[in-house]
Amino acid sequence: MRFLRLFLIPAVLLVSLGAAGSAQACAFCGLNMYQIVNVKNWASLRATPSTKAQRLAKVPRGETVVANGPTHQTIYHEWIQVHFDGQTGWIPTDYLRFIGVVGDPGNNVPQPPAGYDNATSCGGIVRARPSTESRRVTSLRQGKRVEILAPTGVWMNGYEWYRIAFDGRNGYQWGGILSADDQRAGSYVGC
């Protein structure tokens, strides 16, 4: 009995530590991953959602961050709280491109490089936020090639709103007037 007790205690500890280790290794499972884009060298990770806030880090272009918090809208930017290199801070969504979900086995598929036009606009209004009530950024002509940066999770009439990039600018366009090359659910097929 004493031998069994001495054997079981380390085994239980090992299993417990192993489980804790796996949980810690996947602390961000299910959260969205973004790549830094639309900057020359780096984006500032800020302490609060403001360009005047303390800079916590310079996040290099192409680096990956994990969204672990809310979004916040200011006059000039929509900000999202992210985790990078052991720090939590805020980055404008204009500098982020959605690349997948942490822990999703499908993320082993290579992503197209930033700046890759992966959709065609059927024409129409680009908005500052994913809503028809949001201010108009510009209008695009039919057939204009754009890059889908990220899905928003906001749906309207069976189509999702997407954050897009075009001609060095960013905005949101409704999937009902946006045809993704990969024919993803939430976008219109063919313009």
N, C-alpha and C. Protein backbone atom coordinates (compact mmCIF):
# COMPACT_ATOMS: atom_id res chain seq x y z
N MET A 1 0.83 -1.20 0.00
CA MET A 1 0.00 0.00 0.00
C MET A 1 0.87 1.26 0.00
N ARG A 2 1.94 1.23 0.83
CA ARG A 2 2.82 2.39 0.89
C ARG A 2 3.48 2.61 -0.47
N PHE A 3 3.90 1.55 -1.16
CA PHE A 3 4.50 1.64 -2.48
C PHE A 3 3.51 2.25 -3.48
N LEU A 4 2.26 1.78 -3.42
CA LEU A 4 1.24 2.28 -4.31
C LEU A 4 1.00 3.77 -4.11
N ARG A 5 0.96 4.22 -2.85
CA ARG A 5 0.76 5.63 -2.52
C ARG A 5 1.93 6.46 -3.07
N LEU A 6 3.15 5.98 -2.89
CA LEU A 6 4.33 6.70 -3.38
C LEU A 6 4.34 6.78 -4.90
N PHE A 7 3.79 5.79 -5.56
CA PHE A 7 3.73 5.79 -7.01
C PHE A 7 2.60 6.70 -7.51
N LEU A 8 1.44 6.66 -6.86
CA LEU A 8 0.28 7.42 -7.32
C LEU A 8 0.44 8.92 -7.17
N ILE A 9 1.03 9.38 -6.07
CA ILE A 9 1.15 10.82 -5.84
C ILE A 9 1.95 11.49 -6.96
N PRO A 10 3.18 11.00 -7.30
CA PRO A 10 3.89 11.63 -8.42
C PRO A 10 3.14 11.51 -9.73
N ALA A 11 2.43 10.39 -9.94
CA ALA A 11 1.68 10.22 -11.20
C ALA A 11 0.57 11.25 -11.29
N VAL A 12 -0.16 11.45 -10.18
CA VAL A 12 -1.24 12.44 -10.18
C VAL A 12 -0.67 13.84 -10.40
N LEU A 13 0.45 14.15 -9.73
CA LEU A 13 1.07 15.46 -9.92
C LEU A 13 1.50 15.66 -11.36
N LEU A 14 2.07 14.63 -11.97
CA LEU A 14 2.53 14.72 -13.35
C LEU A 14 1.36 14.98 -14.29
N VAL A 15 0.26 14.24 -14.08
CA VAL A 15 -0.93 14.43 -14.91
C VAL A 15 -1.49 15.83 -14.70
N SER A 16 -1.55 16.29 -13.44
CA SER A 16 -2.08 17.62 -13.15
C SER A 16 -1.23 18.70 -13.78
N LEU A 17 0.09 18.56 -13.62
CA LEU A 17 0.98 19.56 -14.21
C LEU A 17 0.91 19.53 -15.72
N GLY A 18 0.78 18.34 -16.27
CA GLY A 18 0.65 18.22 -17.73
C GLY A 18 -0.60 18.91 -18.21
N ALA A 19 -1.71 18.71 -17.50
CA ALA A 19 -2.97 19.35 -17.88
C ALA A 19 -2.85 20.86 -17.74
N ALA A 20 -2.22 21.31 -16.64
CA ALA A 20 -2.06 22.75 -16.45
C ALA A 20 -1.16 23.31 -17.53
N GLY A 21 -0.10 22.56 -17.87
CA GLY A 21 0.81 23.02 -18.92
C GLY A 21 0.11 23.16 -20.25
N SER A 22 -0.78 22.18 -20.58
CA SER A 22 -1.49 22.29 -21.85
C SER A 22 -2.45 23.47 -21.83
N ALA A 23 -3.13 23.66 -20.70
CA ALA A 23 -4.07 24.77 -20.61
C ALA A 23 -3.33 26.09 -20.77
N GLN A 24 -2.15 26.17 -20.14
CA GLN A 24 -1.39 27.40 -20.24
C GLN A 24 -0.88 27.60 -21.66
N ALA A 25 -0.45 26.51 -22.31
CA ALA A 25 0.08 26.61 -23.67
C ALA A 25 -1.00 27.09 -24.63
N CYS A 26 -2.25 26.83 -24.29
CA CYS A 26 -3.34 27.24 -25.17
C CYS A 26 -4.25 28.26 -24.49
N ALA A 27 -3.63 29.15 -23.72
CA ALA A 27 -4.40 30.16 -23.00
C ALA A 27 -5.18 31.05 -23.97
N PHE A 28 -4.72 31.18 -25.22
CA PHE A 28 -5.38 32.06 -26.18
C PHE A 28 -6.20 31.29 -27.21
N CYS A 29 -6.39 29.97 -27.01
CA CYS A 29 -7.18 29.18 -27.96
C CYS A 29 -8.55 29.80 -28.17
N GLY A 30 -8.94 29.88 -29.42
CA GLY A 30 -10.25 30.43 -29.76
C GLY A 30 -10.24 31.93 -30.02
N LEU A 31 -9.13 32.61 -29.72
CA LEU A 31 -9.05 34.06 -29.96
C LEU A 31 -8.53 34.34 -31.36
N ASN A 32 -8.90 35.48 -31.91
CA ASN A 32 -8.48 35.86 -33.26
C ASN A 32 -7.02 36.30 -33.29
N MET A 33 -6.31 35.87 -34.35
CA MET A 33 -4.93 36.29 -34.58
C MET A 33 -4.93 37.30 -35.73
N TYR A 34 -4.08 38.30 -35.59
CA TYR A 34 -3.95 39.32 -36.61
C TYR A 34 -2.48 39.53 -36.93
N GLN A 35 -2.22 39.92 -38.18
CA GLN A 35 -0.86 40.26 -38.61
C GLN A 35 -0.80 41.77 -38.79
N ILE A 36 0.34 42.36 -38.41
CA ILE A 36 0.54 43.80 -38.56
C ILE A 36 0.77 44.11 -40.04
N VAL A 37 -0.06 44.98 -40.61
CA VAL A 37 0.01 45.38 -42.02
C VAL A 37 -0.19 46.90 -42.12
N ASN A 38 -0.07 47.42 -43.31
CA ASN A 38 -0.34 48.84 -43.61
C ASN A 38 0.50 49.81 -42.80
N VAL A 39 1.72 49.38 -42.43
CA VAL A 39 2.67 50.27 -41.76
C VAL A 39 4.01 50.11 -42.47
N LYS A 40 4.85 51.13 -42.37
CA LYS A 40 6.15 51.05 -43.03
C LYS A 40 7.07 50.07 -42.30
N ASN A 41 7.22 50.24 -40.98
CA ASN A 41 8.13 49.39 -40.20
C ASN A 41 7.47 48.71 -39.02
N TRP A 42 6.65 49.45 -38.26
CA TRP A 42 6.05 48.91 -37.04
C TRP A 42 4.79 49.69 -36.67
N ALA A 43 3.98 49.07 -35.80
CA ALA A 43 2.80 49.72 -35.23
C ALA A 43 3.03 49.87 -33.73
N SER A 44 2.53 50.94 -33.16
CA SER A 44 2.69 51.17 -31.72
C SER A 44 1.62 50.42 -30.94
N LEU A 45 2.06 49.69 -29.94
CA LEU A 45 1.16 49.07 -28.98
C LEU A 45 0.99 50.10 -27.87
N ARG A 46 -0.23 50.62 -27.70
CA ARG A 46 -0.48 51.72 -26.76
C ARG A 46 -1.15 51.24 -25.48
N ALA A 47 -0.91 51.96 -24.39
CA ALA A 47 -1.47 51.59 -23.08
C ALA A 47 -2.99 51.78 -23.05
N THR A 48 -3.48 52.75 -23.77
CA THR A 48 -4.92 53.01 -23.88
C THR A 48 -5.23 53.29 -25.36
N PRO A 49 -6.50 53.26 -25.77
CA PRO A 49 -6.83 53.49 -27.18
C PRO A 49 -6.72 54.95 -27.60
N SER A 50 -5.48 55.42 -27.70
CA SER A 50 -5.22 56.80 -28.11
C SER A 50 -3.81 56.89 -28.67
N THR A 51 -3.64 57.71 -29.72
CA THR A 51 -2.31 57.90 -30.29
C THR A 51 -1.41 58.70 -29.34
N LYS A 52 -1.99 59.32 -28.32
CA LYS A 52 -1.20 60.08 -27.35
C LYS A 52 -0.85 59.24 -26.12
N ALA A 53 -1.37 58.03 -26.04
CA ALA A 53 -1.11 57.17 -24.89
C ALA A 53 0.32 56.65 -24.91
N GLN A 54 0.80 56.19 -23.76
CA GLN A 54 2.15 55.64 -23.65
C GLN A 54 2.34 54.47 -24.62
N ARG A 55 3.47 54.47 -25.33
CA ARG A 55 3.81 53.36 -26.22
C ARG A 55 4.43 52.25 -25.37
N LEU A 56 3.81 51.07 -25.41
CA LEU A 56 4.32 49.92 -24.66
C LEU A 56 5.35 49.14 -25.45
N ALA A 57 5.17 49.12 -26.79
CA ALA A 57 6.08 48.36 -27.65
C ALA A 57 5.91 48.81 -29.09
N LYS A 58 6.94 48.54 -29.89
CA LYS A 58 6.86 48.71 -31.33
C LYS A 58 6.68 47.31 -31.90
N VAL A 59 5.53 47.05 -32.54
CA VAL A 59 5.25 45.73 -33.09
C VAL A 59 5.62 45.74 -34.57
N PRO A 60 6.65 44.97 -34.96
CA PRO A 60 7.13 45.01 -36.35
C PRO A 60 6.07 44.57 -37.37
N ARG A 61 6.15 45.16 -38.56
CA ARG A 61 5.29 44.77 -39.67
C ARG A 61 5.44 43.27 -39.92
N GLY A 62 4.33 42.57 -40.11
CA GLY A 62 4.35 41.14 -40.36
C GLY A 62 4.25 40.30 -39.09
N GLU A 63 4.44 40.92 -37.92
CA GLU A 63 4.36 40.20 -36.65
C GLU A 63 2.91 39.84 -36.34
N THR A 64 2.70 38.81 -35.52
CA THR A 64 1.36 38.36 -35.16
C THR A 64 1.00 38.82 -33.75
N VAL A 65 -0.25 39.30 -33.59
CA VAL A 65 -0.79 39.65 -32.28
C VAL A 65 -2.09 38.87 -32.09
N VAL A 66 -2.52 38.73 -30.84
CA VAL A 66 -3.75 38.03 -30.53
C VAL A 66 -4.72 39.00 -29.88
N ALA A 67 -5.93 39.08 -30.42
CA ALA A 67 -6.95 39.98 -29.85
C ALA A 67 -7.50 39.32 -28.59
N ASN A 68 -7.33 39.97 -27.46
CA ASN A 68 -7.80 39.39 -26.21
C ASN A 68 -8.70 40.33 -25.44
N GLY A 69 -9.27 41.29 -26.13
CA GLY A 69 -10.11 42.23 -25.42
C GLY A 69 -11.10 42.93 -26.33
N PRO A 70 -11.67 44.00 -25.84
CA PRO A 70 -12.72 44.71 -26.56
C PRO A 70 -12.17 45.62 -27.66
N THR A 71 -13.10 46.24 -28.39
CA THR A 71 -12.74 47.29 -29.35
C THR A 71 -13.22 48.62 -28.78
N HIS A 72 -12.64 49.70 -29.29
CA HIS A 72 -13.03 51.04 -28.84
C HIS A 72 -12.94 51.99 -30.04
N GLN A 73 -13.98 52.75 -30.27
CA GLN A 73 -14.02 53.67 -31.41
C GLN A 73 -13.67 55.08 -30.95
N THR A 74 -12.70 55.71 -31.65
CA THR A 74 -12.40 57.12 -31.42
C THR A 74 -12.72 57.86 -32.71
N ILE A 75 -12.49 59.14 -32.75
CA ILE A 75 -12.80 59.92 -33.95
C ILE A 75 -12.01 59.41 -35.16
N TYR A 76 -10.75 59.06 -34.95
CA TYR A 76 -9.88 58.71 -36.06
C TYR A 76 -9.67 57.21 -36.28
N HIS A 77 -9.83 56.41 -35.23
CA HIS A 77 -9.52 54.98 -35.34
C HIS A 77 -10.52 54.12 -34.59
N GLU A 78 -10.64 52.87 -35.06
CA GLU A 78 -11.24 51.83 -34.24
C GLU A 78 -10.05 51.07 -33.67
N TRP A 79 -10.01 50.92 -32.35
CA TRP A 79 -8.92 50.26 -31.66
C TRP A 79 -9.36 48.90 -31.17
N ILE A 80 -8.40 47.97 -31.04
CA ILE A 80 -8.69 46.66 -30.46
C ILE A 80 -7.59 46.33 -29.45
N GLN A 81 -8.00 45.73 -28.35
CA GLN A 81 -7.03 45.34 -27.32
C GLN A 81 -6.39 44.01 -27.74
N VAL A 82 -5.05 43.97 -27.74
CA VAL A 82 -4.33 42.79 -28.20
C VAL A 82 -3.24 42.41 -27.21
N HIS A 83 -2.75 41.18 -27.38
CA HIS A 83 -1.63 40.68 -26.59
C HIS A 83 -0.45 40.49 -27.53
N PHE A 84 0.71 41.01 -27.10
CA PHE A 84 1.94 40.86 -27.89
C PHE A 84 3.14 40.79 -26.96
N ASP A 85 3.93 39.75 -27.10
CA ASP A 85 5.19 39.62 -26.38
C ASP A 85 5.04 39.87 -24.87
N GLY A 86 4.00 39.26 -24.28
CA GLY A 86 3.79 39.36 -22.84
C GLY A 86 3.13 40.64 -22.38
N GLN A 87 2.73 41.51 -23.31
CA GLN A 87 2.09 42.76 -22.94
C GLN A 87 0.70 42.86 -23.56
N THR A 88 -0.17 43.58 -22.88
CA THR A 88 -1.51 43.83 -23.40
C THR A 88 -1.65 45.33 -23.65
N GLY A 89 -2.11 45.67 -24.84
CA GLY A 89 -2.28 47.07 -25.19
C GLY A 89 -3.25 47.22 -26.34
N TRP A 90 -3.25 48.38 -26.96
CA TRP A 90 -4.23 48.72 -28.00
C TRP A 90 -3.53 49.07 -29.30
N ILE A 91 -4.11 48.60 -30.42
CA ILE A 91 -3.60 48.91 -31.77
C ILE A 91 -4.81 49.24 -32.65
N PRO A 92 -4.70 50.24 -33.53
CA PRO A 92 -5.80 50.52 -34.46
C PRO A 92 -6.04 49.34 -35.40
N THR A 93 -7.30 49.04 -35.66
CA THR A 93 -7.64 47.92 -36.54
C THR A 93 -7.16 48.16 -37.97
N ASP A 94 -6.89 49.41 -38.34
CA ASP A 94 -6.37 49.71 -39.68
C ASP A 94 -5.05 49.00 -39.95
N TYR A 95 -4.32 48.66 -38.88
CA TYR A 95 -3.00 48.07 -39.03
C TYR A 95 -3.02 46.55 -38.83
N LEU A 96 -4.20 45.96 -38.83
CA LEU A 96 -4.32 44.53 -38.57
C LEU A 96 -5.02 43.81 -39.71
N ARG A 97 -4.55 42.60 -40.01
CA ARG A 97 -5.19 41.73 -40.99
C ARG A 97 -5.47 40.40 -40.31
N PHE A 98 -6.72 39.99 -40.31
CA PHE A 98 -7.13 38.73 -39.70
C PHE A 98 -6.43 37.57 -40.40
N ILE A 99 -5.80 36.67 -39.61
CA ILE A 99 -5.12 35.53 -40.22
C ILE A 99 -5.61 34.19 -39.70
N GLY A 100 -6.47 34.19 -38.69
CA GLY A 100 -7.00 32.92 -38.19
C GLY A 100 -7.32 32.95 -36.72
N VAL A 101 -7.64 31.77 -36.21
CA VAL A 101 -8.02 31.61 -34.81
C VAL A 101 -6.98 30.75 -34.13
N VAL A 102 -6.53 31.15 -32.95
CA VAL A 102 -5.53 30.39 -32.21
C VAL A 102 -6.09 29.00 -31.90
N GLY A 103 -5.29 27.98 -32.19
CA GLY A 103 -5.68 26.61 -31.90
C GLY A 103 -6.46 25.94 -33.02
N ASP A 104 -6.80 26.68 -34.06
CA ASP A 104 -7.54 26.11 -35.19
C ASP A 104 -6.55 25.37 -36.09
N PRO A 105 -6.73 24.04 -36.28
CA PRO A 105 -5.76 23.30 -37.09
C PRO A 105 -5.68 23.79 -38.53
N GLY A 106 -6.70 24.46 -39.02
CA GLY A 106 -6.68 24.98 -40.39
C GLY A 106 -5.72 26.13 -40.60
N ASN A 107 -5.11 26.65 -39.52
CA ASN A 107 -4.20 27.78 -39.64
C ASN A 107 -2.84 27.40 -40.21
N ASN A 108 -2.62 26.12 -40.49
CA ASN A 108 -1.36 25.72 -41.10
C ASN A 108 -1.33 26.04 -42.60
N VAL A 109 -2.47 26.43 -43.15
CA VAL A 109 -2.54 26.80 -44.55
C VAL A 109 -1.85 28.15 -44.72
N PRO A 110 -0.89 28.27 -45.64
CA PRO A 110 -0.20 29.55 -45.81
C PRO A 110 -1.18 30.67 -46.15
N GLN A 111 -0.95 31.82 -45.55
CA GLN A 111 -1.79 32.99 -45.80
C GLN A 111 -1.19 33.81 -46.94
N PRO A 112 -2.04 34.45 -47.76
CA PRO A 112 -1.48 35.31 -48.79
C PRO A 112 -0.78 36.50 -48.15
N PRO A 113 0.22 37.06 -48.79
CA PRO A 113 0.92 38.20 -48.20
C PRO A 113 0.01 39.41 -48.09
N ALA A 114 0.35 40.30 -47.15
CA ALA A 114 -0.41 41.54 -47.00
C ALA A 114 -0.36 42.29 -48.33
N GLY A 115 -1.45 42.92 -48.68
CA GLY A 115 -1.52 43.65 -49.93
C GLY A 115 -2.05 42.81 -51.07
N TYR A 116 -2.39 41.57 -50.79
CA TYR A 116 -2.91 40.67 -51.82
C TYR A 116 -4.39 40.95 -52.04
N ASP A 117 -4.76 41.35 -53.23
CA ASP A 117 -6.16 41.62 -53.55
C ASP A 117 -6.88 40.28 -53.68
N ASN A 118 -7.81 40.00 -52.76
CA ASN A 118 -8.46 38.70 -52.70
C ASN A 118 -9.98 38.79 -52.88
N ALA A 119 -10.45 39.94 -53.37
CA ALA A 119 -11.89 40.11 -53.56
C ALA A 119 -12.15 41.20 -54.59
N THR A 120 -13.37 41.22 -55.09
CA THR A 120 -13.81 42.24 -56.03
C THR A 120 -15.02 42.95 -55.45
N SER A 121 -14.98 44.27 -55.46
CA SER A 121 -16.14 45.03 -55.01
C SER A 121 -17.13 45.11 -56.16
N CYS A 122 -18.39 44.93 -55.83
CA CYS A 122 -19.44 45.07 -56.84
C CYS A 122 -19.85 46.54 -56.97
N GLY A 123 -19.05 47.41 -56.37
CA GLY A 123 -19.36 48.82 -56.35
C GLY A 123 -20.09 49.15 -55.05
N GLY A 124 -20.22 50.41 -54.77
CA GLY A 124 -20.98 50.79 -53.58
C GLY A 124 -20.14 51.48 -52.53
N ILE A 125 -20.79 51.74 -51.41
CA ILE A 125 -20.22 52.58 -50.36
C ILE A 125 -19.31 51.77 -49.43
N VAL A 126 -18.18 52.38 -49.07
CA VAL A 126 -17.29 51.87 -48.03
C VAL A 126 -17.56 52.73 -46.80
N ARG A 127 -17.77 52.08 -45.65
CA ARG A 127 -18.13 52.78 -44.42
C ARG A 127 -16.98 52.80 -43.42
N ALA A 128 -17.05 53.71 -42.46
CA ALA A 128 -16.05 53.82 -41.40
C ALA A 128 -16.20 52.71 -40.37
N ARG A 129 -17.39 52.17 -40.23
CA ARG A 129 -17.70 51.07 -39.31
C ARG A 129 -18.61 50.09 -40.04
N PRO A 130 -18.76 48.86 -39.54
CA PRO A 130 -19.62 47.88 -40.22
C PRO A 130 -21.12 48.11 -39.96
N SER A 131 -21.64 49.19 -40.54
CA SER A 131 -23.05 49.54 -40.36
C SER A 131 -23.45 50.54 -41.45
N THR A 132 -24.69 50.43 -41.91
CA THR A 132 -25.18 51.40 -42.90
C THR A 132 -25.39 52.77 -42.27
N GLU A 133 -25.40 52.82 -40.94
CA GLU A 133 -25.55 54.10 -40.22
C GLU A 133 -24.21 54.81 -40.05
N SER A 134 -23.11 54.12 -40.32
CA SER A 134 -21.78 54.70 -40.15
C SER A 134 -21.48 55.68 -41.28
N ARG A 135 -20.54 56.58 -41.02
CA ARG A 135 -20.21 57.59 -42.03
C ARG A 135 -19.58 56.94 -43.27
N ARG A 136 -19.82 57.57 -44.41
CA ARG A 136 -19.30 57.09 -45.70
C ARG A 136 -17.84 57.49 -45.82
N VAL A 137 -16.97 56.52 -46.14
CA VAL A 137 -15.55 56.79 -46.38
C VAL A 137 -15.36 57.17 -47.84
N THR A 138 -15.93 56.36 -48.73
CA THR A 138 -15.86 56.60 -50.17
C THR A 138 -16.80 55.64 -50.86
N SER A 139 -16.87 55.73 -52.17
CA SER A 139 -17.59 54.73 -52.97
C SER A 139 -16.60 54.07 -53.91
N LEU A 140 -16.80 52.79 -54.16
CA LEU A 140 -15.93 52.06 -55.08
C LEU A 140 -16.70 51.74 -56.36
N ARG A 141 -15.99 51.72 -57.47
CA ARG A 141 -16.61 51.36 -58.74
C ARG A 141 -16.75 49.85 -58.82
N GLN A 142 -17.68 49.38 -59.64
CA GLN A 142 -17.85 47.94 -59.83
C GLN A 142 -16.59 47.36 -60.47
N GLY A 143 -16.15 46.22 -59.94
CA GLY A 143 -14.97 45.56 -60.47
C GLY A 143 -13.67 45.96 -59.78
N LYS A 144 -13.73 46.88 -58.81
CA LYS A 144 -12.53 47.33 -58.09
C LYS A 144 -11.98 46.18 -57.25
N ARG A 145 -10.69 45.87 -57.41
CA ARG A 145 -10.05 44.81 -56.62
C ARG A 145 -9.68 45.37 -55.24
N VAL A 146 -9.98 44.60 -54.20
CA VAL A 146 -9.71 45.01 -52.82
C VAL A 146 -9.13 43.82 -52.05
N GLU A 147 -8.60 44.10 -50.86
CA GLU A 147 -8.13 43.04 -49.98
C GLU A 147 -9.08 42.94 -48.78
N ILE A 148 -9.61 41.76 -48.55
CA ILE A 148 -10.39 41.54 -47.32
C ILE A 148 -9.38 41.35 -46.20
N LEU A 149 -9.41 42.27 -45.22
CA LEU A 149 -8.48 42.20 -44.10
C LEU A 149 -9.00 41.32 -42.98
N ALA A 150 -10.31 41.41 -42.70
CA ALA A 150 -10.87 40.64 -41.59
C ALA A 150 -12.38 40.60 -41.67
N PRO A 151 -12.97 39.47 -41.26
CA PRO A 151 -14.42 39.43 -41.09
C PRO A 151 -14.76 40.18 -39.81
N THR A 152 -15.95 40.71 -39.71
CA THR A 152 -16.31 41.49 -38.51
C THR A 152 -17.25 40.74 -37.58
N GLY A 153 -17.91 39.71 -38.08
CA GLY A 153 -18.91 39.03 -37.26
C GLY A 153 -20.24 39.76 -37.26
N VAL A 154 -20.33 40.87 -38.00
CA VAL A 154 -21.57 41.64 -38.11
C VAL A 154 -22.26 41.23 -39.42
N TRP A 155 -23.47 40.70 -39.30
CA TRP A 155 -24.21 40.21 -40.46
C TRP A 155 -25.44 41.08 -40.70
N MET A 156 -25.80 41.22 -41.98
CA MET A 156 -26.99 41.97 -42.36
C MET A 156 -27.59 41.31 -43.60
N ASN A 157 -28.84 40.93 -43.53
CA ASN A 157 -29.54 40.31 -44.66
C ASN A 157 -28.79 39.12 -45.27
N GLY A 158 -28.18 38.30 -44.41
CA GLY A 158 -27.51 37.10 -44.88
C GLY A 158 -26.08 37.28 -45.35
N TYR A 159 -25.54 38.49 -45.25
CA TYR A 159 -24.16 38.75 -45.66
C TYR A 159 -23.40 39.42 -44.51
N GLU A 160 -22.09 39.11 -44.42
CA GLU A 160 -21.26 39.66 -43.36
C GLU A 160 -20.58 40.94 -43.82
N TRP A 161 -20.31 41.84 -42.89
CA TRP A 161 -19.49 43.02 -43.17
C TRP A 161 -18.02 42.62 -43.05
N TYR A 162 -17.17 43.18 -43.94
CA TYR A 162 -15.74 42.89 -43.92
C TYR A 162 -14.95 44.18 -43.86
N ARG A 163 -13.81 44.13 -43.14
CA ARG A 163 -12.88 45.25 -43.17
C ARG A 163 -12.01 45.03 -44.39
N ILE A 164 -11.89 46.03 -45.25
CA ILE A 164 -11.16 45.90 -46.51
C ILE A 164 -10.09 46.97 -46.65
N ALA A 165 -9.14 46.71 -47.52
CA ALA A 165 -8.10 47.68 -47.86
C ALA A 165 -8.13 47.88 -49.37
N PHE A 166 -7.87 49.12 -49.78
CA PHE A 166 -7.86 49.47 -51.21
C PHE A 166 -7.11 50.78 -51.36
N ASP A 167 -6.25 50.86 -52.33
CA ASP A 167 -5.52 52.10 -52.63
C ASP A 167 -4.90 52.75 -51.39
N GLY A 168 -4.36 51.94 -50.47
CA GLY A 168 -3.73 52.48 -49.27
C GLY A 168 -4.71 52.96 -48.22
N ARG A 169 -5.99 52.67 -48.39
CA ARG A 169 -7.01 53.10 -47.43
C ARG A 169 -7.71 51.87 -46.85
N ASN A 170 -8.47 52.07 -45.77
CA ASN A 170 -9.23 51.00 -45.13
C ASN A 170 -10.66 51.44 -44.91
N GLY A 171 -11.53 50.47 -44.78
CA GLY A 171 -12.92 50.74 -44.46
C GLY A 171 -13.68 49.44 -44.36
N TYR A 172 -14.99 49.54 -44.32
CA TYR A 172 -15.84 48.36 -44.20
C TYR A 172 -16.82 48.32 -45.36
N GLN A 173 -16.99 47.13 -45.92
CA GLN A 173 -17.97 46.98 -46.97
C GLN A 173 -18.81 45.74 -46.68
N TRP A 174 -20.09 45.85 -46.99
CA TRP A 174 -21.05 44.78 -46.77
C TRP A 174 -20.79 43.66 -47.77
N GLY A 175 -20.82 42.41 -47.30
CA GLY A 175 -20.55 41.25 -48.14
C GLY A 175 -21.52 41.07 -49.28
N GLY A 176 -22.69 41.69 -49.22
CA GLY A 176 -23.66 41.60 -50.31
C GLY A 176 -23.23 42.34 -51.56
N ILE A 177 -22.20 43.20 -51.43
CA ILE A 177 -21.66 43.90 -52.60
C ILE A 177 -20.15 43.66 -52.70
N LEU A 178 -19.72 42.50 -52.17
CA LEU A 178 -18.30 42.15 -52.15
C LEU A 178 -18.17 40.68 -52.52
N SER A 179 -17.40 40.38 -53.55
CA SER A 179 -17.25 39.01 -54.02
C SER A 179 -15.84 38.52 -53.70
N ALA A 180 -15.74 37.63 -52.70
CA ALA A 180 -14.44 37.08 -52.29
C ALA A 180 -14.00 36.01 -53.27
N ASP A 181 -12.71 35.99 -53.59
CA ASP A 181 -12.17 35.00 -54.52
C ASP A 181 -12.39 33.57 -54.02
N ASP A 182 -12.35 33.38 -52.68
CA ASP A 182 -12.53 32.03 -52.13
C ASP A 182 -14.00 31.67 -51.93
N GLN A 183 -14.90 32.54 -52.40
CA GLN A 183 -16.35 32.32 -52.34
C GLN A 183 -16.80 31.98 -50.92
N ARG A 184 -16.23 32.66 -49.93
CA ARG A 184 -16.55 32.40 -48.53
C ARG A 184 -18.00 32.73 -48.23
N ALA A 185 -18.55 32.02 -47.25
CA ALA A 185 -19.92 32.31 -46.80
C ALA A 185 -19.91 33.74 -46.26
N GLY A 186 -20.94 34.47 -46.54
CA GLY A 186 -21.02 35.86 -46.07
C GLY A 186 -20.66 36.87 -47.13
N SER A 187 -20.17 36.40 -48.28
CA SER A 187 -19.89 37.32 -49.38
C SER A 187 -20.69 36.90 -50.60
N TYR A 188 -20.92 37.84 -51.48
CA TYR A 188 -21.68 37.60 -52.71
C TYR A 188 -20.80 36.82 -53.68
N VAL A 189 -21.37 35.92 -54.42
CA VAL A 189 -20.58 35.15 -55.40
C VAL A 189 -20.78 35.74 -56.78
N GLY A 190 -19.74 36.39 -57.29
CA GLY A 190 -19.79 37.01 -58.62
C GLY A 190 -20.45 38.36 -58.62
N CYS A 191 -19.90 39.28 -59.36
CA CYS A 191 -20.50 40.63 -59.47
C CYS A 191 -21.01 40.84 -60.87
